[in-house]
Amino acid sequence: MGDTGMIGMAIALVAALQANAARDIHAAPCVAGRSTDPAGWSTASPVAAAASDGAAPALPIGASRQASLLPAAQIAYRVAPAKRGSDDSRGGLFAFTVPAGGRYRVALGSGAWIDVVSDGKAVDSVAHGHGPACSGVRKMVDFDLRPGRYLLQIAGSDAASLRLMVSRLS
């Protein structure tokens, strides 16, 4: 191997070591009995996903739900999900009402695609990320929403159920 190849390998090794060190420094240890779950997340009532917009169950703002999902082939999405998932993935439709304009967050306890739909169009997200360390939140997506009714589309889940919550941030 020439000098160029050795230098490239050395750079890759240093980058990998730095990434691991940064992750280890920022990863706070989880303390038994101390929850970092967002308010409203820890207690979830069951809800069944709908296959169509008109049957979508209403989600309360600020309260989590343990949602049972449907096979993707059974769902009539209002807007085609950007990431539908595999043929054997699951998803569903839910509704929620925004009483006052502001930033709202959709949080999921496992991996899936999130679309918020209004007037037949997907609303653009303004931020996304993972939940707090040691929390049960895997994914969070934020939207700036006006008052009104919205459809929450979940797609591409490998799990038969997942925890979800819509909450107001500002």
C-alpha atoms as a PDB file:
ATOM      1  CA  MET A   1       0.000   0.000   0.000  1.00  0.00           C
ATOM      2  CA  GLY A   2       1.362   3.420  -0.915  1.00  0.00           C
ATOM      3  CA  ASP A   3       1.719   6.514   1.268  1.00  0.00           C
ATOM      4  CA  THR A   4      -1.589   7.902  -0.020  1.00  0.00           C
ATOM      5  CA  GLY A   5      -3.476   4.763   1.022  1.00  0.00           C
ATOM      6  CA  MET A   6      -1.861   4.757   4.473  1.00  0.00           C
ATOM      7  CA  ILE A   7      -2.685   8.434   4.996  1.00  0.00           C
ATOM      8  CA  GLY A   8      -6.313   7.826   3.985  1.00  0.00           C
ATOM      9  CA  MET A   9      -6.605   4.915   6.424  1.00  0.00           C
ATOM     10  CA  ALA A  10      -5.074   6.990   9.208  1.00  0.00           C
ATOM     11  CA  ILE A  11      -7.501   9.862   8.584  1.00  0.00           C
ATOM     12  CA  ALA A  12     -10.469   7.469   8.625  1.00  0.00           C
ATOM     13  CA  LEU A  13      -9.258   5.885  11.872  1.00  0.00           C
ATOM     14  CA  VAL A  14      -8.796   9.267  13.586  1.00  0.00           C
ATOM     15  CA  ALA A  15     -12.281  10.390  12.458  1.00  0.00           C
ATOM     16  CA  ALA A  16     -13.859   7.199  13.810  1.00  0.00           C
ATOM     17  CA  LEU A  17     -12.063   7.552  17.156  1.00  0.00           C
ATOM     18  CA  GLN A  18     -13.123  11.202  17.463  1.00  0.00           C
ATOM     19  CA  ALA A  19     -16.759  10.333  16.711  1.00  0.00           C
ATOM     20  CA  ASN A  20     -16.758   7.607  19.379  1.00  0.00           C
ATOM     21  CA  ALA A  21     -15.119   9.889  21.929  1.00  0.00           C
ATOM     22  CA  ALA A  22     -17.619  12.694  21.254  1.00  0.00           C
ATOM     23  CA  ARG A  23     -20.528  10.265  21.600  1.00  0.00           C
ATOM     24  CA  ASP A  24     -19.122   8.876  24.875  1.00  0.00           C
ATOM     25  CA  ILE A  25     -18.567  12.364  26.330  1.00  0.00           C
ATOM     26  CA  HIS A  26     -22.102  13.532  25.515  1.00  0.00           C
ATOM     27  CA  ALA A  27     -23.906  10.312  26.469  1.00  0.00           C
ATOM     28  CA  ALA A  28     -25.159  10.766  30.021  1.00  0.00           C
ATOM     29  CA  PRO A  29     -25.541   7.538  31.955  1.00  0.00           C
ATOM     30  CA  CYS A  30     -29.133   6.478  32.577  1.00  0.00           C
ATOM     31  CA  VAL A  31     -30.031   6.514  36.252  1.00  0.00           C
ATOM     32  CA  ALA A  32     -32.524   3.902  37.461  1.00  0.00           C
ATOM     33  CA  GLY A  33     -35.773   5.495  38.578  1.00  0.00           C
ATOM     34  CA  ARG A  34     -35.072   8.858  36.914  1.00  0.00           C
ATOM     35  CA  SER A  35     -37.161   9.504  33.818  1.00  0.00           C
ATOM     36  CA  THR A  36     -36.212  11.886  31.032  1.00  0.00           C
ATOM     37  CA  ASP A  37     -39.509  11.292  29.238  1.00  0.00           C
ATOM     38  CA  PRO A  38     -41.364  14.431  28.129  1.00  0.00           C
ATOM     39  CA  ALA A  39     -44.458  15.428  30.126  1.00  0.00           C
ATOM     40  CA  GLY A  40     -47.437  13.290  29.137  1.00  0.00           C
ATOM     41  CA  TRP A  41     -45.320  10.498  27.634  1.00  0.00           C
ATOM     42  CA  SER A  42     -45.073   7.990  30.472  1.00  0.00           C
ATOM     43  CA  THR A  43     -48.748   6.948  30.630  1.00  0.00           C
ATOM     44  CA  ALA A  44     -50.328   5.896  27.343  1.00  0.00           C
ATOM     45  CA  SER A  45     -53.917   4.927  26.638  1.00  0.00           C
ATOM     46  CA  PRO A  46     -54.554   2.489  23.785  1.00  0.00           C
ATOM     47  CA  VAL A  47     -55.826   3.653  20.393  1.00  0.00           C
ATOM     48  CA  ALA A  48     -56.353   1.813  17.114  1.00  0.00           C
ATOM     49  CA  ALA A  49     -55.117   3.379  13.881  1.00  0.00           C
ATOM     50  CA  ALA A  50     -57.642   3.976  11.121  1.00  0.00           C
ATOM     51  CA  ALA A  51     -57.325   2.929   7.493  1.00  0.00           C
ATOM     52  CA  SER A  52     -59.055   6.072   6.168  1.00  0.00           C
ATOM     53  CA  ASP A  53     -59.215   9.776   6.958  1.00  0.00           C
ATOM     54  CA  GLY A  54     -62.898   9.774   7.953  1.00  0.00           C
ATOM     55  CA  ALA A  55     -62.361   7.055  10.582  1.00  0.00           C
ATOM     56  CA  ALA A  56     -59.167   8.532  12.079  1.00  0.00           C
ATOM     57  CA  PRO A  57     -59.349   8.578  15.897  1.00  0.00           C
ATOM     58  CA  ALA A  58     -58.758  11.937  17.595  1.00  0.00           C
ATOM     59  CA  LEU A  59     -55.520  12.339  19.513  1.00  0.00           C
ATOM     60  CA  PRO A  60     -55.490  14.758  22.443  1.00  0.00           C
ATOM     61  CA  ILE A  61     -52.662  17.301  22.497  1.00  0.00           C
ATOM     62  CA  GLY A  62     -50.098  16.513  25.214  1.00  0.00           C
ATOM     63  CA  ALA A  63     -51.153  12.929  26.008  1.00  0.00           C
ATOM     64  CA  SER A  64     -49.463   9.836  24.638  1.00  0.00           C
ATOM     65  CA  ARG A  65     -51.221   6.872  23.091  1.00  0.00           C
ATOM     66  CA  GLN A  66     -50.120   3.307  22.458  1.00  0.00           C
ATOM     67  CA  ALA A  67     -51.300   2.901  18.880  1.00  0.00           C
ATOM     68  CA  SER A  68     -52.017  -0.436  17.266  1.00  0.00           C
ATOM     69  CA  LEU A  69     -51.117  -0.181  13.587  1.00  0.00           C
ATOM     70  CA  LEU A  70     -52.503  -1.707  10.395  1.00  0.00           C
ATOM     71  CA  PRO A  71     -50.788  -3.494   7.514  1.00  0.00           C
ATOM     72  CA  ALA A  72     -49.699  -0.870   4.973  1.00  0.00           C
ATOM     73  CA  ALA A  73     -51.772  -2.452   2.197  1.00  0.00           C
ATOM     74  CA  GLN A  74     -54.991  -1.695   4.126  1.00  0.00           C
ATOM     75  CA  ILE A  75     -54.353   2.053   4.511  1.00  0.00           C
ATOM     76  CA  ALA A  76     -55.757   4.705   2.172  1.00  0.00           C
ATOM     77  CA  TYR A  77     -53.226   7.477   2.871  1.00  0.00           C
ATOM     78  CA  ARG A  78     -54.536  10.946   2.054  1.00  0.00           C
ATOM     79  CA  VAL A  79     -51.081  11.914   0.767  1.00  0.00           C
ATOM     80  CA  ALA A  80     -48.599   9.299  -0.407  1.00  0.00           C
ATOM     81  CA  PRO A  81     -45.939   8.963   2.317  1.00  0.00           C
ATOM     82  CA  ALA A  82     -42.447   9.919   1.181  1.00  0.00           C
ATOM     83  CA  LYS A  83     -41.214   6.718   2.881  1.00  0.00           C
ATOM     84  CA  ARG A  84     -43.943   4.113   2.845  1.00  0.00           C
ATOM     85  CA  GLY A  85     -41.733   1.248   4.019  1.00  0.00           C
ATOM     86  CA  SER A  86     -41.696  -2.369   2.932  1.00  0.00           C
ATOM     87  CA  ASP A  87     -44.767  -4.318   1.855  1.00  0.00           C
ATOM     88  CA  ASP A  88     -45.008  -5.912   5.284  1.00  0.00           C
ATOM     89  CA  SER A  89     -44.661  -2.626   7.204  1.00  0.00           C
ATOM     90  CA  ARG A  90     -47.466  -1.083   9.223  1.00  0.00           C
ATOM     91  CA  GLY A  91     -48.979   2.352   9.745  1.00  0.00           C
ATOM     92  CA  GLY A  92     -52.220   4.204  10.223  1.00  0.00           C
ATOM     93  CA  LEU A  93     -54.130   7.439  10.333  1.00  0.00           C
ATOM     94  CA  PHE A  94     -54.974   9.648  13.313  1.00  0.00           C
ATOM     95  CA  ALA A  95     -56.495  13.108  13.644  1.00  0.00           C
ATOM     96  CA  PHE A  96     -55.722  15.985  15.971  1.00  0.00           C
ATOM     97  CA  THR A  97     -57.027  19.506  16.400  1.00  0.00           C
ATOM     98  CA  VAL A  98     -54.772  22.502  16.951  1.00  0.00           C
ATOM     99  CA  PRO A  99     -56.613  25.044  19.135  1.00  0.00           C
ATOM    100  CA  ALA A 100     -54.003  27.820  18.805  1.00  0.00           C
ATOM    101  CA  GLY A 101     -51.264  28.397  16.272  1.00  0.00           C
ATOM    102  CA  GLY A 102     -47.686  27.544  17.191  1.00  0.00           C
ATOM    103  CA  ARG A 103     -45.034  24.886  17.023  1.00  0.00           C
ATOM    104  CA  TYR A 104     -46.195  21.327  17.625  1.00  0.00           C
ATOM    105  CA  ARG A 105     -44.153  18.138  17.998  1.00  0.00           C
ATOM    106  CA  VAL A 106     -45.032  14.597  16.971  1.00  0.00           C
ATOM    107  CA  ALA A 107     -43.054  12.074  19.035  1.00  0.00           C
ATOM    108  CA  LEU A 108     -42.793   8.336  18.345  1.00  0.00           C
ATOM    109  CA  GLY A 109     -41.475   5.544  20.525  1.00  0.00           C
ATOM    110  CA  SER A 110     -40.137   3.545  17.578  1.00  0.00           C
ATOM    111  CA  GLY A 111     -39.078   4.139  14.004  1.00  0.00           C
ATOM    112  CA  ALA A 112     -41.682   5.123  11.400  1.00  0.00           C
ATOM    113  CA  TRP A 113     -42.372   7.852   8.850  1.00  0.00           C
ATOM    114  CA  ILE A 114     -44.461  10.845   9.993  1.00  0.00           C
ATOM    115  CA  ASP A 115     -46.610  13.062   7.772  1.00  0.00           C
ATOM    116  CA  VAL A 116     -48.922  15.807   9.028  1.00  0.00           C
ATOM    117  CA  VAL A 117     -51.562  16.606   6.410  1.00  0.00           C
ATOM    118  CA  SER A 118     -53.741  19.689   6.041  1.00  0.00           C
ATOM    119  CA  ASP A 119     -56.019  20.566   3.126  1.00  0.00           C
ATOM    120  CA  GLY A 120     -54.823  17.508   1.189  1.00  0.00           C
ATOM    121  CA  LYS A 121     -51.118  18.462   1.394  1.00  0.00           C
ATOM    122  CA  ALA A 122     -48.263  17.355   3.630  1.00  0.00           C
ATOM    123  CA  VAL A 123     -47.114  20.117   5.984  1.00  0.00           C
ATOM    124  CA  ASP A 124     -43.367  20.810   5.879  1.00  0.00           C
ATOM    125  CA  SER A 125     -41.534  19.959   9.074  1.00  0.00           C
ATOM    126  CA  VAL A 126     -39.345  22.611  10.703  1.00  0.00           C
ATOM    127  CA  ALA A 127     -37.145  20.357  12.876  1.00  0.00           C
ATOM    128  CA  HIS A 128     -36.544  16.717  13.657  1.00  0.00           C
ATOM    129  CA  GLY A 129     -34.408  14.679  16.004  1.00  0.00           C
ATOM    130  CA  HIS A 130     -34.222  11.953  18.596  1.00  0.00           C
ATOM    131  CA  GLY A 131     -35.779  11.995  22.042  1.00  0.00           C
ATOM    132  CA  PRO A 132     -33.841  12.864  25.189  1.00  0.00           C
ATOM    133  CA  ALA A 133     -31.250  10.331  26.326  1.00  0.00           C
ATOM    134  CA  CYS A 134     -32.763   7.559  28.452  1.00  0.00           C
ATOM    135  CA  SER A 135     -36.298   8.438  27.334  1.00  0.00           C
ATOM    136  CA  GLY A 136     -38.744   6.219  25.493  1.00  0.00           C
ATOM    137  CA  VAL A 137     -38.883   8.719  22.608  1.00  0.00           C
ATOM    138  CA  ARG A 138     -37.072   7.547  19.491  1.00  0.00           C
ATOM    139  CA  LYS A 139     -38.125  10.207  16.976  1.00  0.00           C
ATOM    140  CA  MET A 140     -39.451  13.779  17.164  1.00  0.00           C
ATOM    141  CA  VAL A 141     -40.639  15.962  14.283  1.00  0.00           C
ATOM    142  CA  ASP A 142     -41.761  19.583  14.728  1.00  0.00           C
ATOM    143  CA  PHE A 143     -44.302  21.511  12.655  1.00  0.00           C
ATOM    144  CA  ASP A 144     -45.507  25.121  12.675  1.00  0.00           C
ATOM    145  CA  LEU A 145     -49.292  24.784  12.594  1.00  0.00           C
ATOM    146  CA  ARG A 146     -52.301  27.090  12.429  1.00  0.00           C
ATOM    147  CA  PRO A 147     -55.550  26.361  14.263  1.00  0.00           C
ATOM    148  CA  GLY A 148     -57.531  23.573  12.643  1.00  0.00           C
ATOM    149  CA  ARG A 149     -57.854  19.832  12.125  1.00  0.00           C
ATOM    150  CA  TYR A 150     -54.861  17.807  10.952  1.00  0.00           C
ATOM    151  CA  LEU A 151     -54.358  14.244   9.826  1.00  0.00           C
ATOM    152  CA  LEU A 152     -51.353  12.381  11.226  1.00  0.00           C
ATOM    153  CA  GLN A 153     -50.101   9.655   8.899  1.00  0.00           C
ATOM    154  CA  ILE A 154     -47.750   6.988  10.222  1.00  0.00           C
ATOM    155  CA  ALA A 155     -46.026   4.753   7.659  1.00  0.00           C
ATOM    156  CA  GLY A 156     -43.176   2.268   7.433  1.00  0.00           C
ATOM    157  CA  SER A 157     -43.274   0.885  10.970  1.00  0.00           C
ATOM    158  CA  ASP A 158     -41.772  -2.549  11.514  1.00  0.00           C
ATOM    159  CA  ALA A 159     -43.684  -2.836  14.806  1.00  0.00           C
ATOM    160  CA  ALA A 160     -47.373  -3.751  15.174  1.00  0.00           C
ATOM    161  CA  SER A 161     -47.810  -0.895  17.653  1.00  0.00           C
ATOM    162  CA  LEU A 162     -45.957   2.202  18.754  1.00  0.00           C
ATOM    163  CA  ARG A 163     -46.294   4.981  21.293  1.00  0.00           C
ATOM    164  CA  LEU A 164     -47.074   8.412  19.850  1.00  0.00           C
ATOM    165  CA  MET A 165     -47.867  11.885  21.114  1.00  0.00           C
ATOM    166  CA  VAL A 166     -48.640  15.320  19.688  1.00  0.00           C
ATOM    167  CA  SER A 167     -47.636  18.180  21.978  1.00  0.00           C
ATOM    168  CA  ARG A 168     -47.453  21.957  21.782  1.00  0.00           C
ATOM    169  CA  LEU A 169     -44.019  23.518  22.098  1.00  0.00           C
ATOM    170  CA  SER A 170     -44.842  27.226  21.714  1.00  0.00           C
END
